Amino acid sequence: MSSSSSSSSAASVRKRLLVSAGVAVAAVTLGIVSWQATAPADKASGRSGGTSGATPGARADAAAGLKALARRESGDKLAAGRPDAPVVLIEYSDFKCGYCGKFARDTEPELVKKYVEDGTLRIEWRNFPIFGADSEAAARAAWAAGQQDRFAAFHAAAYADGSKEKGFGRARLLELAREAGVPDPERFEKDMDGEAAAAALRKDQEEGYRIGVTSTPSFLVNGQPIAGAQPLDAFAAAIAKAKAQAKAQAEPQAAR
């Protein structure tokens, strides 16, 4: 291996360690924020929210660690928007969650229209099933639909008004795939049952639990937590603030 390759590899390892350290701080500092929007009764936390006991430096480190969770992968099948958008909204959701459905129907389309389409915002979905086997099956099915570029359509069908009341059994998931226009049903079933889907689900769940998410929907806007299906204005304010901060951070670099 060349010295330049070794340096690049070492830098990559250092970056991963720094991100992990930042997330660990975030779990301590911001993981106690109340994420109790729709937590199941047996998983709801009794912790009170807030970070008032943390120093400004610790809060800044925590926010940076959470911001670094944005994957910004150009091939992410479960994301919408430009990878280089100044603001990334990470959404931890469950298809059986009523408030997640409300956000998906009432708020998310407006965010896409106003912010994703003009390049301001990127939305990255994280499967975070907390309501049992049906939730996990729906999460794997959504991932499988995404492998055929039909995640958005599956997402819309699964969150349509009255959809969750029909459950997410096998037959229903296949029906949703048809509604979403998934072109290859056999591949869909294979992907849904495969290890890749299970691994992707574990990755999202582990990330959420690591930072203290215990309910759905939960969001990060450039590292700033938002709990629950808040009104559109709450997201608009968070996006505007995050965009201004990103611009302020970018200006000194551009001047160099």
Protein backbone atom coordinates (compact mmCIF):
# COMPACT_ATOMS: atom_id res chain seq x y z
CA MET A 1 0.00 0.00 0.00
CA SER A 2 1.35 3.48 -0.89
CA SER A 3 1.97 6.16 1.76
CA SER A 4 -0.84 8.29 0.29
CA SER A 5 -3.25 5.36 0.57
CA SER A 6 -2.14 4.74 4.14
CA SER A 7 -2.70 8.41 5.01
CA SER A 8 -6.12 8.37 3.40
CA SER A 9 -7.06 5.18 5.26
CA ALA A 10 -5.85 6.61 8.57
CA ALA A 11 -7.82 9.81 7.98
CA SER A 12 -10.92 7.76 7.27
CA VAL A 13 -10.50 5.81 10.50
CA ARG A 14 -10.00 9.03 12.47
CA LYS A 15 -13.14 10.52 10.94
CA ARG A 16 -15.19 7.45 11.90
CA LEU A 17 -13.84 7.58 15.44
CA LEU A 18 -14.64 11.27 15.74
CA VAL A 19 -18.17 10.74 14.47
CA SER A 20 -18.67 7.84 16.88
CA ALA A 21 -17.37 9.95 19.75
CA GLY A 22 -19.67 12.80 18.77
CA VAL A 23 -22.67 10.49 18.66
CA ALA A 24 -21.71 9.06 22.05
CA VAL A 25 -21.68 12.59 23.48
CA ALA A 26 -25.00 13.24 21.73
CA ALA A 27 -26.52 10.17 23.34
CA VAL A 28 -25.59 11.52 26.74
CA THR A 29 -26.34 15.18 26.09
CA LEU A 30 -29.29 15.16 23.72
CA GLY A 31 -30.49 11.59 24.13
CA ILE A 32 -32.44 12.70 27.19
CA VAL A 33 -34.58 15.01 25.09
CA SER A 34 -38.17 13.84 25.33
CA TRP A 35 -38.92 11.91 22.13
CA GLN A 36 -42.23 10.65 23.56
CA ALA A 37 -44.60 11.35 20.67
CA THR A 38 -46.13 7.89 20.16
CA ALA A 39 -44.01 5.49 22.17
CA PRO A 40 -45.64 2.12 22.97
CA ALA A 41 -46.69 1.92 26.60
CA ASP A 42 -44.09 -0.74 27.40
CA LYS A 43 -41.24 1.26 25.86
CA ALA A 44 -42.09 4.82 26.86
CA SER A 45 -39.39 6.48 28.89
CA GLY A 46 -40.02 8.35 32.09
CA ARG A 47 -37.07 10.66 31.52
CA SER A 48 -37.73 14.35 31.33
CA GLY A 49 -36.40 16.32 28.39
CA GLY A 50 -33.77 18.99 28.30
CA THR A 51 -30.07 19.67 28.13
CA SER A 52 -29.91 22.49 30.67
CA GLY A 53 -27.19 20.71 32.67
CA ALA A 54 -24.83 20.47 29.71
CA THR A 55 -22.15 23.07 29.03
CA PRO A 56 -22.33 25.06 25.76
CA GLY A 57 -19.29 23.19 24.49
CA ALA A 58 -20.84 19.81 25.22
CA ARG A 59 -24.07 20.85 23.51
CA ALA A 60 -22.13 22.00 20.45
CA ASP A 61 -20.22 18.71 20.30
CA ALA A 62 -23.46 16.77 20.68
CA ALA A 63 -25.18 18.71 17.90
CA ALA A 64 -22.18 18.15 15.63
CA GLY A 65 -22.29 14.43 16.35
CA LEU A 66 -25.97 14.26 15.49
CA LYS A 67 -25.49 16.35 12.35
CA ALA A 68 -22.83 13.88 11.21
CA LEU A 69 -25.47 11.12 11.11
CA ALA A 70 -26.64 12.48 7.75
CA ARG A 71 -25.43 9.89 5.25
CA ARG A 72 -25.70 12.03 2.10
CA GLU A 73 -25.28 8.94 -0.10
CA SER A 74 -26.15 9.63 -3.72
CA GLY A 75 -27.52 6.10 -4.14
CA ASP A 76 -29.70 6.13 -1.03
CA LYS A 77 -33.01 4.62 -2.15
CA LEU A 78 -34.80 5.88 0.96
CA ALA A 79 -33.89 9.54 0.57
CA ALA A 80 -35.21 12.52 -1.35
CA GLY A 81 -33.24 15.60 -2.34
CA ARG A 82 -29.71 16.49 -3.30
CA PRO A 83 -26.89 14.87 -1.33
CA ASP A 84 -25.22 18.29 -1.04
CA ALA A 85 -28.33 20.12 0.20
CA PRO A 86 -27.46 22.53 3.03
CA VAL A 87 -30.10 21.02 5.32
CA VAL A 88 -30.75 17.34 6.02
CA LEU A 89 -33.86 16.16 7.82
CA ILE A 90 -33.50 12.63 9.21
CA GLU A 91 -36.81 10.97 9.99
CA TYR A 92 -37.18 7.97 12.33
CA SER A 93 -40.61 6.47 11.64
CA ASP A 94 -42.83 3.41 11.90
CA PHE A 95 -45.49 2.51 9.34
CA LYS A 96 -47.95 1.58 12.12
CA CYS A 97 -47.54 4.97 13.80
CA GLY A 98 -50.58 7.20 13.40
CA TYR A 99 -48.68 10.44 13.90
CA CYS A 100 -46.08 9.31 11.36
CA GLY A 101 -48.93 8.91 8.90
CA LYS A 102 -50.21 12.39 9.72
CA PHE A 103 -46.76 13.84 9.05
CA ALA A 104 -46.47 11.85 5.81
CA ARG A 105 -49.84 13.05 4.54
CA ASP A 106 -50.02 16.60 5.82
CA THR A 107 -46.50 17.96 6.29
CA GLU A 108 -43.93 16.03 4.28
CA PRO A 109 -45.46 16.83 0.85
CA GLU A 110 -45.28 20.54 1.71
CA LEU A 111 -41.64 20.20 2.77
CA VAL A 112 -40.84 18.44 -0.51
CA LYS A 113 -42.61 21.08 -2.56
CA LYS A 114 -41.12 24.05 -0.73
CA TYR A 115 -37.62 22.90 0.22
CA VAL A 116 -36.59 19.66 -1.48
CA GLU A 117 -37.45 20.78 -4.98
CA ASP A 118 -35.40 24.00 -4.68
CA GLY A 119 -32.34 22.13 -3.35
CA THR A 120 -32.51 23.43 0.23
CA LEU A 121 -33.52 20.19 1.93
CA ARG A 122 -32.70 16.52 1.79
CA ILE A 123 -34.94 14.04 3.62
CA GLU A 124 -33.38 10.78 4.77
CA TRP A 125 -35.69 8.06 6.04
CA ARG A 126 -34.74 5.71 8.85
CA ASN A 127 -36.88 2.63 9.45
CA PHE A 128 -37.59 2.60 13.18
CA PRO A 129 -40.28 -0.05 13.82
CA ILE A 130 -41.35 -0.14 17.45
CA PHE A 131 -44.83 -1.66 17.21
CA GLY A 132 -43.96 -5.32 16.73
CA ALA A 133 -43.71 -7.83 13.90
CA ASP A 134 -46.04 -6.02 11.50
CA SER A 135 -43.99 -2.85 11.85
CA GLU A 136 -40.80 -4.73 11.06
CA ALA A 137 -42.39 -6.47 8.08
CA ALA A 138 -43.56 -3.14 6.68
CA ALA A 139 -40.09 -1.68 7.16
CA ARG A 140 -38.47 -4.53 5.23
CA ALA A 141 -41.12 -4.20 2.51
CA ALA A 142 -40.48 -0.46 2.17
CA TRP A 143 -36.76 -1.14 1.83
CA ALA A 144 -37.47 -3.80 -0.81
CA ALA A 145 -39.69 -1.39 -2.75
CA GLY A 146 -36.85 1.11 -2.63
CA GLN A 147 -34.52 -1.33 -4.37
CA GLN A 148 -36.79 -0.92 -7.40
CA ASP A 149 -37.00 2.87 -6.96
CA ARG A 150 -40.53 2.73 -5.59
CA PHE A 151 -39.91 3.69 -1.97
CA ALA A 152 -41.73 7.02 -2.23
CA ALA A 153 -44.76 5.39 -3.82
CA PHE A 154 -44.80 2.57 -1.25
CA HIS A 155 -44.41 5.12 1.54
CA ALA A 156 -47.41 7.06 0.22
CA ALA A 157 -49.55 3.93 -0.13
CA ALA A 158 -48.63 2.59 3.32
CA TYR A 159 -49.38 5.94 4.95
CA ALA A 160 -52.60 6.64 3.03
CA ASP A 161 -55.53 7.50 5.26
CA GLY A 162 -56.95 4.25 6.66
CA SER A 163 -54.10 2.08 5.38
CA LYS A 164 -52.58 1.06 8.70
CA GLU A 165 -55.94 -0.22 9.92
CA LYS A 166 -55.67 -2.95 7.27
CA GLY A 167 -52.50 -4.25 8.90
CA PHE A 168 -49.21 -5.23 7.31
CA GLY A 169 -49.55 -8.96 6.83
CA ARG A 170 -47.90 -10.66 3.87
CA ALA A 171 -50.85 -10.31 1.52
CA ARG A 172 -51.30 -6.66 2.41
CA LEU A 173 -47.62 -5.88 1.78
CA LEU A 174 -47.85 -7.47 -1.66
CA GLU A 175 -50.97 -5.41 -2.32
CA LEU A 176 -49.13 -2.23 -1.30
CA ALA A 177 -46.26 -3.16 -3.61
CA ARG A 178 -48.75 -3.43 -6.49
CA GLU A 179 -50.29 -0.08 -5.54
CA ALA A 180 -46.80 1.42 -5.51
CA GLY A 181 -46.06 0.10 -8.98
CA VAL A 182 -43.19 -2.17 -7.97
CA PRO A 183 -42.30 -3.72 -11.35
CA ASP A 184 -40.90 -7.09 -10.24
CA PRO A 185 -43.04 -8.70 -7.51
CA GLU A 186 -40.82 -11.79 -7.25
CA ARG A 187 -37.73 -9.69 -6.64
CA PHE A 188 -39.71 -7.62 -4.14
CA GLU A 189 -40.53 -10.71 -2.08
CA LYS A 190 -36.96 -12.00 -2.29
CA ASP A 191 -35.54 -8.63 -1.23
CA MET A 192 -38.10 -8.26 1.56
CA ASP A 193 -37.09 -11.62 3.04
CA GLY A 194 -33.36 -11.24 2.45
CA GLU A 195 -30.51 -10.51 4.81
CA ALA A 196 -29.76 -7.15 3.16
CA ALA A 197 -33.17 -5.83 4.21
CA ALA A 198 -32.68 -7.14 7.74
CA ALA A 199 -29.21 -5.56 7.93
CA ALA A 200 -30.48 -2.20 6.69
CA LEU A 201 -33.24 -2.31 9.29
CA ARG A 202 -30.80 -3.13 12.08
CA LYS A 203 -28.53 -0.26 11.03
CA ASP A 204 -31.37 2.26 11.24
CA GLN A 205 -32.68 0.89 14.54
CA GLU A 206 -29.25 0.83 16.18
CA GLU A 207 -28.62 4.41 15.10
CA GLY A 208 -31.92 5.57 16.55
CA TYR A 209 -31.55 3.78 19.86
CA ARG A 210 -27.94 4.98 20.17
CA ILE A 211 -29.03 8.62 20.17
CA GLY A 212 -32.00 8.10 22.46
CA VAL A 213 -34.94 7.83 20.05
CA THR A 214 -37.73 5.90 21.76
CA SER A 215 -40.83 7.09 19.92
CA THR A 216 -42.03 7.94 16.45
CA PRO A 217 -41.92 10.14 14.55
CA SER A 218 -38.63 11.67 15.67
CA PHE A 219 -36.52 13.98 13.54
CA LEU A 220 -33.12 15.62 13.29
CA VAL A 221 -32.73 18.82 11.28
CA ASN A 222 -29.00 19.28 10.78
CA GLY A 223 -28.56 17.62 14.16
CA GLN A 224 -31.31 19.48 16.02
CA PRO A 225 -34.00 17.15 17.45
CA ILE A 226 -37.70 17.59 16.77
CA ALA A 227 -40.06 15.17 18.49
CA GLY A 228 -43.43 14.28 17.06
CA ALA A 229 -45.55 15.36 14.11
CA GLN A 230 -45.13 19.07 14.75
CA PRO A 231 -46.93 21.67 12.62
CA LEU A 232 -45.41 22.71 9.30
CA ASP A 233 -44.32 26.03 10.82
CA ALA A 234 -42.09 24.23 13.33
CA PHE A 235 -40.23 22.44 10.55
CA ALA A 236 -40.06 25.58 8.44
CA ALA A 237 -38.46 27.48 11.32
CA ALA A 238 -35.94 24.69 11.99
CA ILE A 239 -35.03 24.47 8.30
CA ALA A 240 -34.62 28.24 8.00
CA LYS A 241 -32.34 28.29 11.05
CA ALA A 242 -30.29 25.34 9.81
CA LYS A 243 -29.95 26.89 6.35
CA ALA A 244 -28.72 30.18 7.82
CA GLN A 245 -26.20 28.35 10.00
CA ALA A 246 -24.96 26.32 7.04
CA LYS A 247 -24.55 29.49 5.00
CA ALA A 248 -22.65 31.22 7.80
CA GLN A 249 -20.31 28.24 8.13
CA ALA A 250 -19.73 28.06 4.38
CA GLU A 251 -18.88 31.75 3.86
CA PRO A 252 -15.47 31.73 5.63
CA GLN A 253 -14.45 28.64 3.70
CA ALA A 254 -15.47 30.22 0.39
CA ALA A 255 -13.42 33.31 1.20
CA ARG A 256 -10.19 31.32 1.62
